[in-house]
Amino acid sequence: MESVDRHNQEILKNAEAWQQKPSLRAIYSTFHQSIAKHLAALPYPTVELGSGVADIQRVIPGCIRTDIFPNPWIDQVENAYALSFDPGSLSNLILFDVFHHLRYPGTALQEFDRVLAPGGRVILFEPCVSLLGLLVYGALHPEPLALNQPIQWDAPPEWTPSQIDYYAAQGNASRIFLKSKIRQNLHGFRVVKVQRYAAISYVASGGYSKPQLYPTAWMPLMAAIDRLCDRLPQIFATRLLVVLEKVT
């Protein structure tokens, strides 16, 4: 098992790109707006788990930004498997590029069920496996897709949340939520929404680690290309939005 410290090393590298790429900040703002449309309207806090460097508070004011490491822009440290929040005390949990880092997603969902109020939501924003997604996340991304690896839904009995390590399987959300034959026990949640986005503008921006392939002034054109490619998700989708709601 690889040390979880690798997560923080990646976060610190990403912080540099976040400051240097206005296009990246603009694209994330669009992603966050898509997430905001699906928030449960309950009178409790909204929490983002694994916030990284992207500032979701610009779109969702008051959202509590958390991560497993303390950094200056993080509100508090949280472990997805052992959250510090009281039972039924949250309206929403947002996981942006976090679900595919959960080695035991079913165990995490049990913890999410504990802290969310009835009708509360878990909103996932993940890599999507389409024809283009296979290229982007398979050949051009260092994290594995792990499409042929088994998903261990629940942690073994002897495991504890303090034993978290570095894990990545970028294809997990697509396998679970786009292929109903392997849909797992969602531990008290129902699927409200599954939506695919082409997000060509993000791919061509180079993300955090690669060069941008278009001038920032072309952002409106890239947004138009995104809308066009959204019509053929099996070919072009590179992002997946999943909304889960706690059954009351």
C-alpha atoms as a PDB file:
ATOM      1  CA  MET A   1       0.000   0.000   0.000  1.00  0.00           C
ATOM      2  CA  GLU A   2       1.273   3.441  -0.936  1.00  0.00           C
ATOM      3  CA  SER A   3       1.471   6.220   1.655  1.00  0.00           C
ATOM      4  CA  VAL A   4      -1.448   8.651   1.772  1.00  0.00           C
ATOM      5  CA  ASP A   5       1.148  11.466   1.849  1.00  0.00           C
ATOM      6  CA  ARG A   6       1.191  11.238  -1.937  1.00  0.00           C
ATOM      7  CA  HIS A   7      -2.178  12.993  -1.925  1.00  0.00           C
ATOM      8  CA  ASN A   8      -0.691  16.063  -0.263  1.00  0.00           C
ATOM      9  CA  GLN A   9       2.295  16.110  -2.608  1.00  0.00           C
ATOM     10  CA  GLU A  10      -0.139  16.258  -5.526  1.00  0.00           C
ATOM     11  CA  ILE A  11      -2.195  18.987  -3.828  1.00  0.00           C
ATOM     12  CA  LEU A  12       0.850  21.222  -3.367  1.00  0.00           C
ATOM     13  CA  LYS A  13       1.815  20.801  -7.033  1.00  0.00           C
ATOM     14  CA  ASN A  14      -1.741  21.573  -8.082  1.00  0.00           C
ATOM     15  CA  ALA A  15      -1.715  24.805  -6.060  1.00  0.00           C
ATOM     16  CA  GLU A  16       0.891  26.271  -8.407  1.00  0.00           C
ATOM     17  CA  ALA A  17      -1.143  25.448 -11.533  1.00  0.00           C
ATOM     18  CA  TRP A  18      -4.308  26.825  -9.907  1.00  0.00           C
ATOM     19  CA  GLN A  19      -2.669  30.228  -9.510  1.00  0.00           C
ATOM     20  CA  GLN A  20      -1.116  30.247 -12.992  1.00  0.00           C
ATOM     21  CA  LYS A  21      -4.135  29.139 -15.064  1.00  0.00           C
ATOM     22  CA  PRO A  22      -7.166  31.463 -15.152  1.00  0.00           C
ATOM     23  CA  SER A  23      -8.837  29.064 -17.576  1.00  0.00           C
ATOM     24  CA  LEU A  24      -8.638  26.276 -15.007  1.00  0.00           C
ATOM     25  CA  ARG A  25     -10.277  28.449 -12.380  1.00  0.00           C
ATOM     26  CA  ALA A  26     -13.042  29.411 -14.824  1.00  0.00           C
ATOM     27  CA  ILE A  27     -13.717  25.793 -15.792  1.00  0.00           C
ATOM     28  CA  TYR A  28     -13.895  24.687 -12.175  1.00  0.00           C
ATOM     29  CA  SER A  29     -16.361  27.483 -11.511  1.00  0.00           C
ATOM     30  CA  THR A  30     -18.581  25.991 -14.237  1.00  0.00           C
ATOM     31  CA  PHE A  31     -18.238  22.535 -12.687  1.00  0.00           C
ATOM     32  CA  HIS A  32     -19.124  23.926  -9.267  1.00  0.00           C
ATOM     33  CA  GLN A  33     -22.197  25.630 -10.729  1.00  0.00           C
ATOM     34  CA  SER A  34     -23.357  22.252 -12.074  1.00  0.00           C
ATOM     35  CA  ILE A  35     -22.934  20.799  -8.589  1.00  0.00           C
ATOM     36  CA  ALA A  36     -24.733  23.722  -6.931  1.00  0.00           C
ATOM     37  CA  LYS A  37     -27.878  23.075  -8.992  1.00  0.00           C
ATOM     38  CA  HIS A  38     -28.359  19.753  -7.209  1.00  0.00           C
ATOM     39  CA  LEU A  39     -27.798  20.723  -3.573  1.00  0.00           C
ATOM     40  CA  ALA A  40     -30.451  19.652  -1.094  1.00  0.00           C
ATOM     41  CA  ALA A  41     -32.248  22.726   0.265  1.00  0.00           C
ATOM     42  CA  LEU A  42     -31.963  21.781   3.933  1.00  0.00           C
ATOM     43  CA  PRO A  43     -31.070  24.144   6.828  1.00  0.00           C
ATOM     44  CA  TYR A  44     -27.736  22.481   7.626  1.00  0.00           C
ATOM     45  CA  PRO A  45     -24.139  22.967   6.459  1.00  0.00           C
ATOM     46  CA  THR A  46     -22.742  21.760   3.155  1.00  0.00           C
ATOM     47  CA  VAL A  47     -19.325  20.106   3.316  1.00  0.00           C
ATOM     48  CA  GLU A  48     -16.809  19.345   0.596  1.00  0.00           C
ATOM     49  CA  LEU A  49     -14.567  16.356   1.262  1.00  0.00           C
ATOM     50  CA  GLY A  50     -11.084  16.287  -0.262  1.00  0.00           C
ATOM     51  CA  SER A  51     -11.265  19.901  -1.394  1.00  0.00           C
ATOM     52  CA  GLY A  52      -7.770  20.064  -2.849  1.00  0.00           C
ATOM     53  CA  VAL A  53      -6.996  23.595  -4.071  1.00  0.00           C
ATOM     54  CA  ALA A  54     -10.149  24.494  -6.046  1.00  0.00           C
ATOM     55  CA  ASP A  55     -12.158  27.201  -4.281  1.00  0.00           C
ATOM     56  CA  ILE A  56     -15.744  25.952  -4.278  1.00  0.00           C
ATOM     57  CA  GLN A  57     -16.753  28.736  -1.876  1.00  0.00           C
ATOM     58  CA  ARG A  58     -16.749  31.200  -4.785  1.00  0.00           C
ATOM     59  CA  VAL A  59     -19.838  29.405  -6.102  1.00  0.00           C
ATOM     60  CA  ILE A  60     -21.221  27.828  -2.916  1.00  0.00           C
ATOM     61  CA  PRO A  61     -20.635  30.371  -0.117  1.00  0.00           C
ATOM     62  CA  GLY A  62     -20.306  28.853   3.313  1.00  0.00           C
ATOM     63  CA  CYS A  63     -19.370  25.416   2.008  1.00  0.00           C
ATOM     64  CA  ILE A  64     -16.960  23.888   4.526  1.00  0.00           C
ATOM     65  CA  ARG A  65     -13.744  22.903   2.730  1.00  0.00           C
ATOM     66  CA  THR A  66     -12.023  19.851   4.194  1.00  0.00           C
ATOM     67  CA  ASP A  67      -9.160  17.524   3.401  1.00  0.00           C
ATOM     68  CA  ILE A  68      -7.074  14.873   5.101  1.00  0.00           C
ATOM     69  CA  PHE A  69      -4.182  17.351   5.326  1.00  0.00           C
ATOM     70  CA  PRO A  70      -4.130  20.809   6.930  1.00  0.00           C
ATOM     71  CA  ASN A  71      -3.385  23.492   4.360  1.00  0.00           C
ATOM     72  CA  PRO A  72      -3.961  27.271   4.671  1.00  0.00           C
ATOM     73  CA  TRP A  73      -7.051  27.234   2.426  1.00  0.00           C
ATOM     74  CA  ILE A  74      -8.723  24.271   4.199  1.00  0.00           C
ATOM     75  CA  ASP A  75     -11.326  24.917   6.904  1.00  0.00           C
ATOM     76  CA  GLN A  76     -10.820  21.655   8.769  1.00  0.00           C
ATOM     77  CA  VAL A  77      -9.238  18.217   8.504  1.00  0.00           C
ATOM     78  CA  GLU A  78     -11.601  15.315   7.897  1.00  0.00           C
ATOM     79  CA  ASN A  79     -11.324  11.605   7.138  1.00  0.00           C
ATOM     80  CA  ALA A  80     -14.165  10.458   4.851  1.00  0.00           C
ATOM     81  CA  TYR A  81     -14.474   7.202   6.787  1.00  0.00           C
ATOM     82  CA  ALA A  82     -14.675   8.855  10.234  1.00  0.00           C
ATOM     83  CA  LEU A  83     -16.215  12.324   9.986  1.00  0.00           C
ATOM     84  CA  SER A  84     -16.313  14.635  13.009  1.00  0.00           C
ATOM     85  CA  PHE A  85     -19.890  15.812  12.338  1.00  0.00           C
ATOM     86  CA  ASP A  86     -22.866  14.808  14.484  1.00  0.00           C
ATOM     87  CA  PRO A  87     -25.483  12.376  13.170  1.00  0.00           C
ATOM     88  CA  GLY A  88     -28.001  14.019  10.839  1.00  0.00           C
ATOM     89  CA  SER A  89     -26.225  17.383  10.969  1.00  0.00           C
ATOM     90  CA  LEU A  90     -25.379  18.034   7.295  1.00  0.00           C
ATOM     91  CA  SER A  91     -27.366  18.921   4.182  1.00  0.00           C
ATOM     92  CA  ASN A  92     -24.833  17.940   1.523  1.00  0.00           C
ATOM     93  CA  LEU A  93     -21.506  16.219   1.044  1.00  0.00           C
ATOM     94  CA  ILE A  94     -19.605  17.121  -2.129  1.00  0.00           C
ATOM     95  CA  LEU A  95     -16.809  14.881  -3.424  1.00  0.00           C
ATOM     96  CA  PHE A  96     -14.959  16.333  -6.411  1.00  0.00           C
ATOM     97  CA  ASP A  97     -12.478  13.788  -7.801  1.00  0.00           C
ATOM     98  CA  VAL A  98     -12.545  12.026  -4.431  1.00  0.00           C
ATOM     99  CA  PHE A  99     -14.807   8.998  -4.933  1.00  0.00           C
ATOM    100  CA  HIS A 100     -12.216   7.210  -7.082  1.00  0.00           C
ATOM    101  CA  HIS A 101      -9.726   7.577  -4.226  1.00  0.00           C
ATOM    102  CA  LEU A 102     -11.981   5.687  -1.796  1.00  0.00           C
ATOM    103  CA  ARG A 103     -10.678   2.150  -1.505  1.00  0.00           C
ATOM    104  CA  TYR A 104     -13.897   1.119   0.301  1.00  0.00           C
ATOM    105  CA  PRO A 105     -16.683   3.303  -1.142  1.00  0.00           C
ATOM    106  CA  GLY A 106     -19.489   1.381   0.541  1.00  0.00           C
ATOM    107  CA  THR A 107     -17.935   1.925   3.958  1.00  0.00           C
ATOM    108  CA  ALA A 108     -17.633   5.643   3.201  1.00  0.00           C
ATOM    109  CA  LEU A 109     -21.302   5.780   2.171  1.00  0.00           C
ATOM    110  CA  GLN A 110     -22.298   4.296   5.512  1.00  0.00           C
ATOM    111  CA  GLU A 111     -20.481   7.174   7.219  1.00  0.00           C
ATOM    112  CA  PHE A 112     -22.129   9.684   4.864  1.00  0.00           C
ATOM    113  CA  ASP A 113     -25.512   8.227   5.763  1.00  0.00           C
ATOM    114  CA  ARG A 114     -24.722   8.793   9.435  1.00  0.00           C
ATOM    115  CA  VAL A 115     -23.910  12.511   9.159  1.00  0.00           C
ATOM    116  CA  LEU A 116     -26.518  13.562   6.571  1.00  0.00           C
ATOM    117  CA  ALA A 117     -30.006  14.657   7.522  1.00  0.00           C
ATOM    118  CA  PRO A 118     -32.924  12.805   5.880  1.00  0.00           C
ATOM    119  CA  GLY A 119     -33.120  14.026   2.302  1.00  0.00           C
ATOM    120  CA  GLY A 120     -29.477  15.110   2.400  1.00  0.00           C
ATOM    121  CA  ARG A 121     -27.352  14.525  -0.657  1.00  0.00           C
ATOM    122  CA  VAL A 122     -23.976  13.168  -1.695  1.00  0.00           C
ATOM    123  CA  ILE A 123     -22.803  14.801  -4.928  1.00  0.00           C
ATOM    124  CA  LEU A 124     -19.956  13.160  -6.820  1.00  0.00           C
ATOM    125  CA  PHE A 125     -18.019  14.730  -9.697  1.00  0.00           C
ATOM    126  CA  GLU A 126     -15.763  12.138 -11.283  1.00  0.00           C
ATOM    127  CA  PRO A 127     -13.838  11.057 -14.378  1.00  0.00           C
ATOM    128  CA  CYS A 128     -16.111   9.495 -16.987  1.00  0.00           C
ATOM    129  CA  VAL A 129     -15.123   6.530 -19.137  1.00  0.00           C
ATOM    130  CA  SER A 130     -16.188   7.122 -22.750  1.00  0.00           C
ATOM    131  CA  LEU A 131     -14.079   6.601 -25.874  1.00  0.00           C
ATOM    132  CA  LEU A 132     -12.381   9.927 -25.227  1.00  0.00           C
ATOM    133  CA  GLY A 133     -12.313   9.224 -21.489  1.00  0.00           C
ATOM    134  CA  LEU A 134     -10.397   6.017 -22.118  1.00  0.00           C
ATOM    135  CA  LEU A 135      -7.710   8.030 -23.890  1.00  0.00           C
ATOM    136  CA  VAL A 136      -7.621  10.933 -21.453  1.00  0.00           C
ATOM    137  CA  TYR A 137      -7.603   8.889 -18.256  1.00  0.00           C
ATOM    138  CA  GLY A 138      -5.982   5.759 -19.621  1.00  0.00           C
ATOM    139  CA  ALA A 139      -3.089   6.902 -21.786  1.00  0.00           C
ATOM    140  CA  LEU A 140      -2.627  10.494 -20.634  1.00  0.00           C
ATOM    141  CA  HIS A 141      -3.167  10.347 -16.861  1.00  0.00           C
ATOM    142  CA  PRO A 142      -0.856   8.823 -14.247  1.00  0.00           C
ATOM    143  CA  GLU A 143      -3.652   7.375 -12.090  1.00  0.00           C
ATOM    144  CA  PRO A 144      -4.984   3.956 -13.182  1.00  0.00           C
ATOM    145  CA  LEU A 145      -8.462   3.420 -14.590  1.00  0.00           C
ATOM    146  CA  ALA A 146      -8.454  -0.044 -12.979  1.00  0.00           C
ATOM    147  CA  LEU A 147     -11.381  -1.161 -15.148  1.00  0.00           C
ATOM    148  CA  ASN A 148     -10.599  -4.840 -14.684  1.00  0.00           C
ATOM    149  CA  GLN A 149      -9.779  -4.660 -11.002  1.00  0.00           C
ATOM    150  CA  PRO A 150     -12.386  -5.747  -8.429  1.00  0.00           C
ATOM    151  CA  ILE A 151     -14.034  -2.990  -6.400  1.00  0.00           C
ATOM    152  CA  GLN A 152     -13.890  -3.836  -2.712  1.00  0.00           C
ATOM    153  CA  TRP A 153     -17.117  -2.168  -1.652  1.00  0.00           C
ATOM    154  CA  ASP A 154     -16.854  -2.620   2.113  1.00  0.00           C
ATOM    155  CA  ALA A 155     -13.769  -2.584   4.298  1.00  0.00           C
ATOM    156  CA  PRO A 156     -12.696  -5.812   6.000  1.00  0.00           C
ATOM    157  CA  PRO A 157     -13.758  -6.115   9.669  1.00  0.00           C
ATOM    158  CA  GLU A 158     -10.258  -5.545  11.014  1.00  0.00           C
ATOM    159  CA  TRP A 159      -9.724  -2.321   9.036  1.00  0.00           C
ATOM    160  CA  THR A 160      -9.906   1.109  10.724  1.00  0.00           C
ATOM    161  CA  PRO A 161     -10.160   4.626   9.199  1.00  0.00           C
ATOM    162  CA  SER A 162      -6.673   5.451  10.484  1.00  0.00           C
ATOM    163  CA  GLN A 163      -5.333   2.955   7.952  1.00  0.00           C
ATOM    164  CA  ILE A 164      -6.216   5.018   4.879  1.00  0.00           C
ATOM    165  CA  ASP A 165      -3.606   4.821   2.155  1.00  0.00           C
ATOM    166  CA  TYR A 166      -3.142   6.088  -1.395  1.00  0.00           C
ATOM    167  CA  TYR A 167      -5.670   4.461  -3.724  1.00  0.00           C
ATOM    168  CA  ALA A 168      -6.854   5.460  -7.188  1.00  0.00           C
ATOM    169  CA  ALA A 169      -9.220   3.792  -9.662  1.00  0.00           C
ATOM    170  CA  GLN A 170     -10.542   6.459 -12.018  1.00  0.00           C
ATOM    171  CA  GLY A 171     -13.064   4.168 -13.649  1.00  0.00           C
ATOM    172  CA  ASN A 172     -14.932   3.238 -10.483  1.00  0.00           C
ATOM    173  CA  ALA A 173     -17.770   5.792 -10.704  1.00  0.00           C
ATOM    174  CA  SER A 174     -18.466   4.923 -14.351  1.00  0.00           C
ATOM    175  CA  ARG A 175     -18.458   1.221 -13.570  1.00  0.00           C
ATOM    176  CA  ILE A 176     -20.812   1.608 -10.619  1.00  0.00           C
ATOM    177  CA  PHE A 177     -23.261   4.248 -11.838  1.00  0.00           C
ATOM    178  CA  LEU A 178     -23.298   3.713 -15.612  1.00  0.00           C
ATOM    179  CA  LYS A 179     -23.385  -0.086 -15.557  1.00  0.00           C
ATOM    180  CA  SER A 180     -26.398  -1.187 -13.553  1.00  0.00           C
ATOM    181  CA  LYS A 181     -25.297  -4.823 -13.556  1.00  0.00           C
ATOM    182  CA  ILE A 182     -22.613  -4.047 -10.987  1.00  0.00           C
ATOM    183  CA  ARG A 183     -24.549  -1.460  -8.956  1.00  0.00           C
ATOM    184  CA  GLN A 184     -23.557  -1.945  -5.340  1.00  0.00           C
ATOM    185  CA  ASN A 185     -25.505  -1.626  -2.098  1.00  0.00           C
ATOM    186  CA  LEU A 186     -25.855   2.136  -1.694  1.00  0.00           C
ATOM    187  CA  HIS A 187     -26.439   1.910   2.064  1.00  0.00           C
ATOM    188  CA  GLY A 188     -29.643   3.931   2.308  1.00  0.00           C
ATOM    189  CA  PHE A 189     -29.177   6.210  -0.703  1.00  0.00           C
ATOM    190  CA  ARG A 190     -31.105   6.442  -3.935  1.00  0.00           C
ATOM    191  CA  VAL A 191     -29.696   7.688  -7.245  1.00  0.00           C
ATOM    192  CA  VAL A 192     -31.303  11.036  -8.161  1.00  0.00           C
ATOM    193  CA  LYS A 193     -29.167  12.045 -11.139  1.00  0.00           C
ATOM    194  CA  VAL A 194     -26.412  10.683 -13.348  1.00  0.00           C
ATOM    195  CA  GLN A 195     -25.170  13.105 -15.980  1.00  0.00           C
ATOM    196  CA  ARG A 196     -22.192  13.020 -18.335  1.00  0.00           C
ATOM    197  CA  TYR A 197     -20.266  16.060 -19.569  1.00  0.00           C
ATOM    198  CA  ALA A 198     -17.806  16.265 -22.448  1.00  0.00           C
ATOM    199  CA  ALA A 199     -15.686  18.943 -20.718  1.00  0.00           C
ATOM    200  CA  ILE A 200     -13.367  19.233 -23.725  1.00  0.00           C
ATOM    201  CA  SER A 201     -12.402  22.680 -22.430  1.00  0.00           C
ATOM    202  CA  TYR A 202     -11.000  21.056 -19.294  1.00  0.00           C
ATOM    203  CA  VAL A 203      -9.145  18.314 -21.141  1.00  0.00           C
ATOM    204  CA  ALA A 204      -7.572  20.805 -23.557  1.00  0.00           C
ATOM    205  CA  SER A 205      -6.676  23.133 -20.683  1.00  0.00           C
ATOM    206  CA  GLY A 206      -4.126  20.537 -19.605  1.00  0.00           C
ATOM    207  CA  GLY A 207      -5.654  20.364 -16.150  1.00  0.00           C
ATOM    208  CA  TYR A 208      -3.173  20.802 -13.353  1.00  0.00           C
ATOM    209  CA  SER A 209      -0.200  19.012 -14.864  1.00  0.00           C
ATOM    210  CA  LYS A 210      -0.085  19.583 -18.648  1.00  0.00           C
ATOM    211  CA  PRO A 211       0.202  22.559 -21.001  1.00  0.00           C
ATOM    212  CA  GLN A 212      -2.910  24.405 -22.099  1.00  0.00           C
ATOM    213  CA  LEU A 213      -3.726  23.733 -25.768  1.00  0.00           C
ATOM    214  CA  TYR A 214      -5.749  26.879 -26.500  1.00  0.00           C
ATOM    215  CA  PRO A 215      -5.539  30.606 -25.635  1.00  0.00           C
ATOM    216  CA  THR A 216      -7.594  31.663 -22.635  1.00  0.00           C
ATOM    217  CA  ALA A 217      -9.433  34.102 -24.921  1.00  0.00           C
ATOM    218  CA  TRP A 218     -10.965  31.075 -26.645  1.00  0.00           C
ATOM    219  CA  MET A 219     -12.942  30.067 -23.561  1.00  0.00           C
ATOM    220  CA  PRO A 220     -16.347  30.997 -25.099  1.00  0.00           C
ATOM    221  CA  LEU A 221     -15.535  28.906 -28.175  1.00  0.00           C
ATOM    222  CA  MET A 222     -14.478  25.978 -25.996  1.00  0.00           C
ATOM    223  CA  ALA A 223     -17.736  26.234 -24.035  1.00  0.00           C
ATOM    224  CA  ALA A 224     -19.639  25.981 -27.324  1.00  0.00           C
ATOM    225  CA  ILE A 225     -17.619  22.897 -28.277  1.00  0.00           C
ATOM    226  CA  ASP A 226     -18.463  21.383 -24.892  1.00  0.00           C
ATOM    227  CA  ARG A 227     -22.187  21.879 -25.469  1.00  0.00           C
ATOM    228  CA  LEU A 228     -21.950  20.302 -28.907  1.00  0.00           C
ATOM    229  CA  CYS A 229     -19.962  17.276 -27.698  1.00  0.00           C
ATOM    230  CA  ASP A 230     -22.320  16.791 -24.741  1.00  0.00           C
ATOM    231  CA  ARG A 231     -24.782  15.396 -27.288  1.00  0.00           C
ATOM    232  CA  LEU A 232     -22.587  12.310 -27.810  1.00  0.00           C
ATOM    233  CA  PRO A 233     -21.606  11.280 -24.287  1.00  0.00           C
ATOM    234  CA  GLN A 234     -20.620   7.718 -25.241  1.00  0.00           C
ATOM    235  CA  ILE A 235     -17.868   9.215 -27.379  1.00  0.00           C
ATOM    236  CA  PHE A 236     -16.880  12.476 -25.716  1.00  0.00           C
ATOM    237  CA  ALA A 237     -17.843  12.435 -22.013  1.00  0.00           C
ATOM    238  CA  THR A 238     -14.910  12.937 -19.688  1.00  0.00           C
ATOM    239  CA  ARG A 239     -16.834  13.990 -16.558  1.00  0.00           C
ATOM    240  CA  LEU A 240     -19.591  12.319 -14.585  1.00  0.00           C
ATOM    241  CA  LEU A 241     -21.979  13.942 -12.100  1.00  0.00           C
ATOM    242  CA  VAL A 242     -23.767  11.608  -9.683  1.00  0.00           C
ATOM    243  CA  VAL A 243     -26.352  12.788  -7.142  1.00  0.00           C
ATOM    244  CA  LEU A 244     -27.339  10.446  -4.312  1.00  0.00           C
ATOM    245  CA  GLU A 245     -30.057  11.253  -1.809  1.00  0.00           C
ATOM    246  CA  LYS A 246     -30.486   9.813   1.651  1.00  0.00           C
ATOM    247  CA  VAL A 247     -33.765   7.939   1.841  1.00  0.00           C
ATOM    248  CA  THR A 248     -35.931   9.360   4.628  1.00  0.00           C
END
